[in-house]
Amino acid sequence: MANPQALERGVTPTPSARTEASVARRWRDIASRYHTDRTWQGVMQLVITLLPFFGLLVGMYWSLHVSYFLTLAIAPIAAGFLLRTFILMHDCAHGSFVPSKRANDIIGSVTGVLSLTPFGVWRRDHALHHASSGDLDRRGHGDIYTLTIREYQALSRWSKIKYRLYRNPVILFGLGPIYLMVSSRKKPTGPSAGAHGVASARMTNLAIVALILTLGYFFGFAALALVYFPVFLMAGSAGIWLFYVQHQFEETYWEPHEEWDYGAAAMRGSSYYKLPKVLEWMTGHIGLHHVHHFDPRVPSYNLGKCYVENEEFRCATVLTIRESLHSASLKLWDEDTGKMVGYREARSVAAK
């Protein structure tokens, strides 16, 4: 699929490029019909997400007086609603949740506090991810860092160990949420730096501190930690897994910048993670990741409708939960075969 920006730069397309650009334009027209123009849709999503979430947190607090095992039994359900809250913030970052830009900013900031995420910083980082996903020359913007086989083989022994540790599932999905929580508290110094990014990080930190002090005063700091920390950890681990599996599958898309194509990266480099209906709802239909990457202005609550009603969007790699588990063993990009491979396969390639 041709990059739509090529036409805007005045490049004269070949006949096949014209055809591909026409297809891309038609697909954009289809997706644009699913942009939101009704505030009440977003309000309803907030109500059916935040009310159960707060209710479950209250239930977890009261269960502390019964048994902490009961508290932990409720935690995964609460974590699902926290993950869904993060997805709503994610919609706001794309300006797709409600029609009003100001309302998106306010809702995004509030849901960012609940998910311990500085909204302004995350929004810019995530925009860079969308603009560079699948581009080998622009890696490192909000993605799971991935090396090619040649790059990995050229590393020193210590650098290989660090890469292996980074990609280890226990560290990536277990400690990853804690790392993100701590690192996002710092003053941004990368692409998100700037007055707005710094202000977002500071305001989020202040709001979180104020919330902790208030809740801790009324309910106890120990109780607050016992309730919220496991919920945050579970939701964070699930979120990282979702993000990982939807870009890190065997036949995903990576190309050098000069050959990189936005439409192809969206449709081939993002999977359709087919989950049971309950989990699909809880994750805000973000499993339809190829539709989301093709047009981020389609809000999460319209992704399923866009996919079902338009055959054009049924061309992505479909992964079930069972099939997705294989993705955890994929570590490196093989430029020769155009596939993600594990370390053992990488050694075989290097030995040839």
Protein backbone atom coordinates (compact mmCIF):
# COMPACT_ATOMS: atom_id res chain seq x y z
CA MET A 1 0.00 0.00 0.00
CA ALA A 2 1.50 3.31 -1.01
CA ASN A 3 2.27 5.98 1.56
CA PRO A 4 -0.41 8.69 1.29
CA GLN A 5 2.24 11.34 2.05
CA ALA A 6 3.99 10.55 -1.24
CA LEU A 7 1.16 12.21 -3.17
CA GLU A 8 1.29 15.26 -0.92
CA ARG A 9 5.02 15.67 -1.63
CA GLY A 10 4.30 15.96 -5.35
CA VAL A 11 5.71 12.56 -6.32
CA THR A 12 4.27 11.37 -9.63
CA PRO A 13 2.99 7.86 -8.95
CA THR A 14 3.37 4.93 -11.28
CA PRO A 15 0.13 3.22 -12.40
CA SER A 16 0.45 0.59 -9.66
CA ALA A 17 1.25 3.27 -7.11
CA ARG A 18 -1.82 5.21 -8.23
CA THR A 19 -3.92 2.10 -7.69
CA GLU A 20 -2.45 1.53 -4.23
CA ALA A 21 -2.95 5.19 -3.31
CA SER A 22 -6.56 4.94 -4.48
CA VAL A 23 -7.10 1.88 -2.29
CA ALA A 24 -5.52 3.63 0.69
CA ARG A 25 -7.73 6.67 0.13
CA ARG A 26 -10.85 4.50 -0.08
CA TRP A 27 -9.92 2.71 3.12
CA ARG A 28 -9.35 6.05 4.86
CA ASP A 29 -12.78 7.20 3.68
CA ILE A 30 -14.35 4.04 5.11
CA ALA A 31 -12.57 4.39 8.45
CA SER A 32 -13.49 8.08 8.73
CA ARG A 33 -17.16 7.09 8.91
CA TYR A 34 -16.45 5.59 12.32
CA HIS A 35 -14.96 8.73 13.88
CA THR A 36 -17.06 9.86 16.81
CA ASP A 37 -19.33 12.90 16.59
CA ARG A 38 -21.40 12.24 19.72
CA THR A 39 -20.20 13.16 23.21
CA TRP A 40 -22.72 10.85 24.89
CA GLN A 41 -20.96 7.77 23.50
CA GLY A 42 -17.78 8.68 25.35
CA VAL A 43 -19.71 9.57 28.51
CA MET A 44 -21.36 6.15 28.50
CA GLN A 45 -17.95 4.47 28.12
CA LEU A 46 -16.72 6.38 31.16
CA VAL A 47 -19.77 5.44 33.23
CA ILE A 48 -19.66 1.71 32.45
CA THR A 49 -15.91 1.65 33.09
CA LEU A 50 -15.25 3.89 36.09
CA LEU A 51 -18.30 3.04 38.21
CA PRO A 52 -17.53 -0.72 38.27
CA PHE A 53 -13.82 0.06 38.74
CA PHE A 54 -14.40 2.22 41.82
CA GLY A 55 -16.97 -0.26 43.13
CA LEU A 56 -14.46 -3.10 42.86
CA LEU A 57 -11.80 -1.04 44.67
CA VAL A 58 -14.26 -0.42 47.50
CA GLY A 59 -15.04 -4.13 47.59
CA MET A 60 -11.33 -4.93 47.77
CA TYR A 61 -10.91 -2.49 50.66
CA TRP A 62 -13.72 -4.07 52.65
CA SER A 63 -12.42 -7.57 51.85
CA LEU A 64 -9.19 -6.72 53.68
CA HIS A 65 -11.17 -7.25 56.90
CA VAL A 66 -12.14 -10.74 55.75
CA SER A 67 -9.13 -12.22 53.95
CA TYR A 68 -6.38 -10.86 51.73
CA PHE A 69 -6.88 -13.92 49.53
CA LEU A 70 -10.37 -12.60 48.81
CA THR A 71 -8.85 -9.18 48.04
CA LEU A 72 -6.44 -10.75 45.55
CA ALA A 73 -9.29 -12.79 44.04
CA ILE A 74 -11.11 -9.53 43.19
CA ALA A 75 -7.92 -7.83 41.94
CA PRO A 76 -7.85 -9.35 38.40
CA ILE A 77 -11.37 -8.06 37.68
CA ALA A 78 -10.47 -4.60 38.97
CA ALA A 79 -7.28 -4.77 36.89
CA GLY A 80 -9.38 -5.42 33.80
CA PHE A 81 -11.33 -2.23 34.42
CA LEU A 82 -8.11 -0.29 35.08
CA LEU A 83 -6.76 -1.56 31.77
CA ARG A 84 -9.99 -0.44 30.13
CA THR A 85 -9.55 2.97 31.80
CA PHE A 86 -6.10 3.19 30.23
CA ILE A 87 -7.62 2.39 26.82
CA LEU A 88 -10.02 5.31 27.26
CA MET A 89 -7.03 7.54 28.03
CA HIS A 90 -5.41 6.13 24.91
CA ASP A 91 -8.44 7.22 22.86
CA CYS A 92 -8.18 10.70 24.35
CA ALA A 93 -4.53 10.85 23.34
CA HIS A 94 -5.61 10.37 19.72
CA GLY A 95 -8.39 12.93 20.11
CA SER A 96 -10.90 10.23 19.22
CA PHE A 97 -12.79 9.61 22.46
CA VAL A 98 -15.17 12.57 22.22
CA PRO A 99 -15.49 15.33 19.58
CA SER A 100 -14.16 18.12 21.84
CA LYS A 101 -10.38 18.54 22.03
CA ARG A 102 -10.61 20.18 25.45
CA ALA A 103 -12.80 17.36 26.77
CA ASN A 104 -10.32 14.79 25.43
CA ASP A 105 -7.51 16.59 27.26
CA ILE A 106 -9.43 16.73 30.55
CA ILE A 107 -10.66 13.13 30.42
CA GLY A 108 -7.21 11.97 29.32
CA SER A 109 -5.53 13.76 32.22
CA VAL A 110 -7.95 12.32 34.80
CA THR A 111 -7.75 8.75 33.48
CA GLY A 112 -3.98 9.23 33.24
CA VAL A 113 -3.83 9.92 36.98
CA LEU A 114 -5.87 6.78 37.69
CA SER A 115 -3.49 4.70 35.55
CA LEU A 116 -0.41 6.55 36.93
CA THR A 117 0.45 7.84 33.45
CA PRO A 118 1.37 11.46 32.57
CA PHE A 119 -1.12 12.05 29.78
CA GLY A 120 0.73 14.76 27.83
CA VAL A 121 4.02 12.87 27.83
CA TRP A 122 2.43 9.57 26.86
CA ARG A 123 0.36 11.20 24.12
CA ARG A 124 3.43 12.54 22.31
CA ASP A 125 5.44 9.34 22.74
CA HIS A 126 2.52 7.32 21.42
CA ALA A 127 2.08 9.61 18.42
CA LEU A 128 5.73 8.97 17.56
CA HIS A 129 5.08 5.24 17.87
CA HIS A 130 2.27 5.45 15.31
CA ALA A 131 4.41 7.55 12.98
CA SER A 132 7.34 5.11 13.06
CA SER A 133 5.94 1.65 13.84
CA GLY A 134 7.73 -0.95 11.68
CA ASP A 135 10.45 1.52 10.57
CA LEU A 136 13.87 -0.05 11.21
CA ASP A 137 15.57 3.35 11.12
CA ARG A 138 13.21 4.96 13.64
CA ARG A 139 12.95 2.40 16.40
CA GLY A 140 12.64 3.28 20.07
CA HIS A 141 9.51 5.43 20.12
CA GLY A 142 7.12 3.73 22.51
CA ASP A 143 7.74 0.25 21.14
CA ILE A 144 9.30 -2.98 22.39
CA TYR A 145 12.90 -2.49 21.33
CA THR A 146 13.84 -5.02 18.68
CA LEU A 147 17.22 -5.80 17.11
CA THR A 148 17.95 -7.51 13.81
CA ILE A 149 20.05 -10.68 13.80
CA ARG A 150 23.04 -8.80 12.38
CA GLU A 151 22.78 -6.06 15.00
CA TYR A 152 22.55 -8.60 17.79
CA GLN A 153 25.53 -10.58 16.53
CA ALA A 154 27.61 -7.39 16.42
CA LEU A 155 26.99 -6.66 20.12
CA SER A 156 29.50 -7.26 22.89
CA ARG A 157 28.82 -10.14 25.26
CA TRP A 158 27.57 -7.80 27.99
CA SER A 159 25.27 -5.97 25.57
CA LYS A 160 23.80 -9.30 24.45
CA ILE A 161 23.11 -10.19 28.10
CA LYS A 162 21.36 -6.84 28.64
CA TYR A 163 19.21 -7.36 25.55
CA ARG A 164 18.31 -10.87 26.67
CA LEU A 165 17.37 -9.58 30.12
CA TYR A 166 15.26 -6.82 28.59
CA ARG A 167 13.38 -9.30 26.39
CA ASN A 168 12.97 -11.89 29.16
CA PRO A 169 9.22 -12.39 29.80
CA VAL A 170 9.63 -12.26 33.58
CA ILE A 171 11.32 -8.86 33.38
CA LEU A 172 9.32 -7.49 30.45
CA PHE A 173 5.88 -8.40 31.76
CA GLY A 174 6.63 -8.72 35.47
CA LEU A 175 8.89 -5.76 36.23
CA GLY A 176 7.90 -3.73 33.17
CA PRO A 177 4.88 -2.03 34.82
CA ILE A 178 7.00 -1.00 37.82
CA TYR A 179 9.71 0.40 35.56
CA LEU A 180 7.17 2.37 33.55
CA MET A 181 5.55 3.71 36.72
CA VAL A 182 8.89 4.91 38.12
CA SER A 183 10.36 6.21 34.84
CA SER A 184 7.22 8.18 33.98
CA ARG A 185 7.59 10.10 37.25
CA LYS A 186 10.83 11.68 35.99
CA LYS A 187 11.14 14.91 34.05
CA PRO A 188 10.92 13.95 30.34
CA THR A 189 14.19 14.36 28.45
CA GLY A 190 13.49 12.62 25.14
CA PRO A 191 11.05 13.41 22.35
CA SER A 192 8.39 14.31 24.93
CA ALA A 193 10.53 17.02 26.52
CA GLY A 194 9.34 20.59 26.28
CA ALA A 195 7.12 22.86 28.34
CA HIS A 196 3.97 20.82 27.80
CA GLY A 197 5.64 17.48 28.51
CA VAL A 198 7.32 18.74 31.69
CA ALA A 199 4.07 20.35 32.88
CA SER A 200 2.13 17.14 32.20
CA ALA A 201 4.60 15.03 34.18
CA ARG A 202 4.62 17.48 37.10
CA MET A 203 0.86 17.92 37.22
CA THR A 204 0.28 14.17 37.07
CA ASN A 205 2.81 13.62 39.85
CA LEU A 206 1.19 16.29 42.01
CA ALA A 207 -2.28 14.87 41.39
CA ILE A 208 -1.12 11.34 42.26
CA VAL A 209 0.59 12.54 45.45
CA ALA A 210 -2.54 14.47 46.45
CA LEU A 211 -4.72 11.44 45.77
CA ILE A 212 -2.41 9.13 47.74
CA LEU A 213 -2.29 11.50 50.71
CA THR A 214 -6.06 11.96 50.73
CA LEU A 215 -6.94 8.27 50.40
CA GLY A 216 -4.13 7.27 52.74
CA TYR A 217 -5.41 9.67 55.41
CA PHE A 218 -8.95 8.31 55.28
CA PHE A 219 -8.34 4.62 54.59
CA GLY A 220 -4.72 4.01 55.61
CA PHE A 221 -1.60 3.92 53.45
CA ALA A 222 -1.06 0.20 53.98
CA ALA A 223 -4.62 -0.57 52.86
CA LEU A 224 -4.17 1.68 49.82
CA ALA A 225 -1.01 -0.18 48.80
CA LEU A 226 -2.53 -3.61 49.42
CA VAL A 227 -5.50 -2.74 47.21
CA TYR A 228 -4.10 -0.64 44.39
CA PHE A 229 -0.63 -2.08 43.83
CA PRO A 230 -1.72 -5.59 42.75
CA VAL A 231 -4.42 -4.07 40.53
CA PHE A 232 -1.91 -1.75 38.87
CA LEU A 233 0.67 -4.54 38.47
CA MET A 234 -1.84 -6.92 36.84
CA ALA A 235 -3.25 -4.24 34.56
CA GLY A 236 0.25 -3.06 33.60
CA SER A 237 1.44 -6.59 32.80
CA ALA A 238 -1.63 -7.25 30.67
CA GLY A 239 -1.17 -3.92 28.89
CA ILE A 240 2.47 -4.61 28.04
CA TRP A 241 1.52 -8.09 26.81
CA LEU A 242 -1.19 -6.69 24.57
CA PHE A 243 1.17 -4.12 23.12
CA TYR A 244 3.87 -6.76 22.67
CA VAL A 245 1.83 -9.43 20.96
CA GLN A 246 0.18 -7.02 18.56
CA HIS A 247 3.48 -6.04 16.98
CA GLN A 248 5.83 -8.91 17.88
CA PHE A 249 4.51 -11.83 15.87
CA GLU A 250 6.36 -14.00 13.38
CA GLU A 251 5.37 -12.32 10.11
CA THR A 252 5.14 -8.76 11.34
CA TYR A 253 6.41 -5.75 9.38
CA TRP A 254 9.84 -4.11 9.55
CA GLU A 255 11.42 -2.15 6.71
CA PRO A 256 14.23 0.40 6.28
CA HIS A 257 12.91 3.96 6.23
CA GLU A 258 13.24 4.40 2.46
CA GLU A 259 11.04 1.34 1.90
CA TRP A 260 8.75 1.89 4.87
CA ASP A 261 5.04 2.46 4.19
CA TYR A 262 2.53 3.73 6.74
CA GLY A 263 -0.42 1.73 5.43
CA ALA A 264 1.54 -1.51 5.12
CA ALA A 265 3.00 -1.03 8.60
CA ALA A 266 -0.50 -0.60 10.00
CA MET A 267 -2.13 -3.55 8.23
CA ARG A 268 0.79 -6.01 8.19
CA GLY A 269 2.70 -4.89 11.29
CA SER A 270 -0.29 -4.97 13.63
CA SER A 271 -2.21 -8.12 14.46
CA TYR A 272 -5.85 -8.82 15.19
CA TYR A 273 -5.62 -10.37 18.64
CA LYS A 274 -8.83 -12.39 18.76
CA LEU A 275 -9.96 -12.63 22.37
CA PRO A 276 -13.08 -14.02 24.04
CA LYS A 277 -15.92 -11.46 23.96
CA VAL A 278 -15.56 -10.50 27.64
CA LEU A 279 -11.83 -9.84 27.29
CA GLU A 280 -12.41 -8.07 23.99
CA TRP A 281 -14.74 -5.65 25.73
CA MET A 282 -12.45 -5.27 28.76
CA THR A 283 -9.51 -4.38 26.52
CA GLY A 284 -11.53 -1.83 24.57
CA HIS A 285 -11.34 -3.87 21.35
CA ILE A 286 -7.68 -2.83 21.06
CA GLY A 287 -7.04 -6.34 19.72
CA LEU A 288 -8.22 -4.92 16.39
CA HIS A 289 -4.88 -3.21 16.34
CA HIS A 290 -4.50 -3.04 12.59
CA VAL A 291 -7.70 -0.98 12.30
CA HIS A 292 -6.50 1.29 15.10
CA HIS A 293 -3.09 1.83 13.50
CA PHE A 294 -4.59 2.48 10.08
CA ASP A 295 -6.82 5.22 11.51
CA PRO A 296 -6.23 6.17 15.17
CA ARG A 297 -9.20 8.56 15.05
CA VAL A 298 -11.57 5.59 15.23
CA PRO A 299 -12.38 5.32 18.97
CA SER A 300 -12.06 1.99 20.73
CA TYR A 301 -15.85 1.60 20.99
CA ASN A 302 -16.19 1.77 17.19
CA LEU A 303 -13.29 -0.53 16.22
CA GLY A 304 -15.41 -3.69 16.30
CA LYS A 305 -18.13 -2.12 14.20
CA CYS A 306 -15.61 -0.88 11.62
CA TYR A 307 -14.07 -4.35 11.36
CA VAL A 308 -17.34 -6.29 11.11
CA GLU A 309 -18.98 -4.00 8.57
CA ASN A 310 -16.04 -3.72 6.16
CA GLU A 311 -14.36 -6.69 4.52
CA GLU A 312 -11.39 -4.49 3.58
CA PHE A 313 -10.15 -4.62 7.16
CA ARG A 314 -10.20 -8.40 7.45
CA CYS A 315 -6.71 -8.87 6.05
CA ALA A 316 -4.56 -8.72 9.18
CA THR A 317 -2.75 -11.61 10.88
CA VAL A 318 -5.19 -13.16 13.34
CA LEU A 319 -3.79 -14.45 16.62
CA THR A 320 -5.68 -16.46 19.21
CA ILE A 321 -4.53 -16.58 22.83
CA ARG A 322 -2.93 -19.97 22.24
CA GLU A 323 -1.14 -18.83 19.08
CA SER A 324 0.03 -15.62 20.72
CA LEU A 325 2.02 -17.49 23.37
CA HIS A 326 4.56 -18.38 20.68
CA SER A 327 5.34 -14.69 20.32
CA ALA A 328 7.11 -14.66 23.69
CA SER A 329 9.91 -16.75 22.16
CA LEU A 330 10.49 -14.33 19.26
CA LYS A 331 13.41 -12.02 19.96
CA LEU A 332 15.10 -10.84 16.74
CA TRP A 333 14.18 -9.67 13.25
CA ASP A 334 15.61 -11.72 10.37
CA GLU A 335 16.01 -9.24 7.52
CA ASP A 336 16.66 -12.02 5.00
CA THR A 337 13.44 -13.97 5.61
CA GLY A 338 11.33 -11.06 6.85
CA LYS A 339 10.33 -12.85 10.04
CA MET A 340 10.76 -12.61 13.80
CA VAL A 341 12.85 -15.48 15.16
CA GLY A 342 14.16 -16.81 18.46
CA TYR A 343 17.78 -16.95 19.58
CA ARG A 344 18.20 -20.57 18.46
CA GLU A 345 17.05 -19.80 14.92
CA ALA A 346 19.26 -16.71 14.91
CA ARG A 347 22.29 -18.87 15.74
CA SER A 348 21.45 -21.19 12.85
CA VAL A 349 21.23 -18.22 10.47
CA ALA A 350 24.54 -16.82 11.73
CA ALA A 351 26.25 -20.21 11.28
CA LYS A 352 25.40 -20.37 7.57
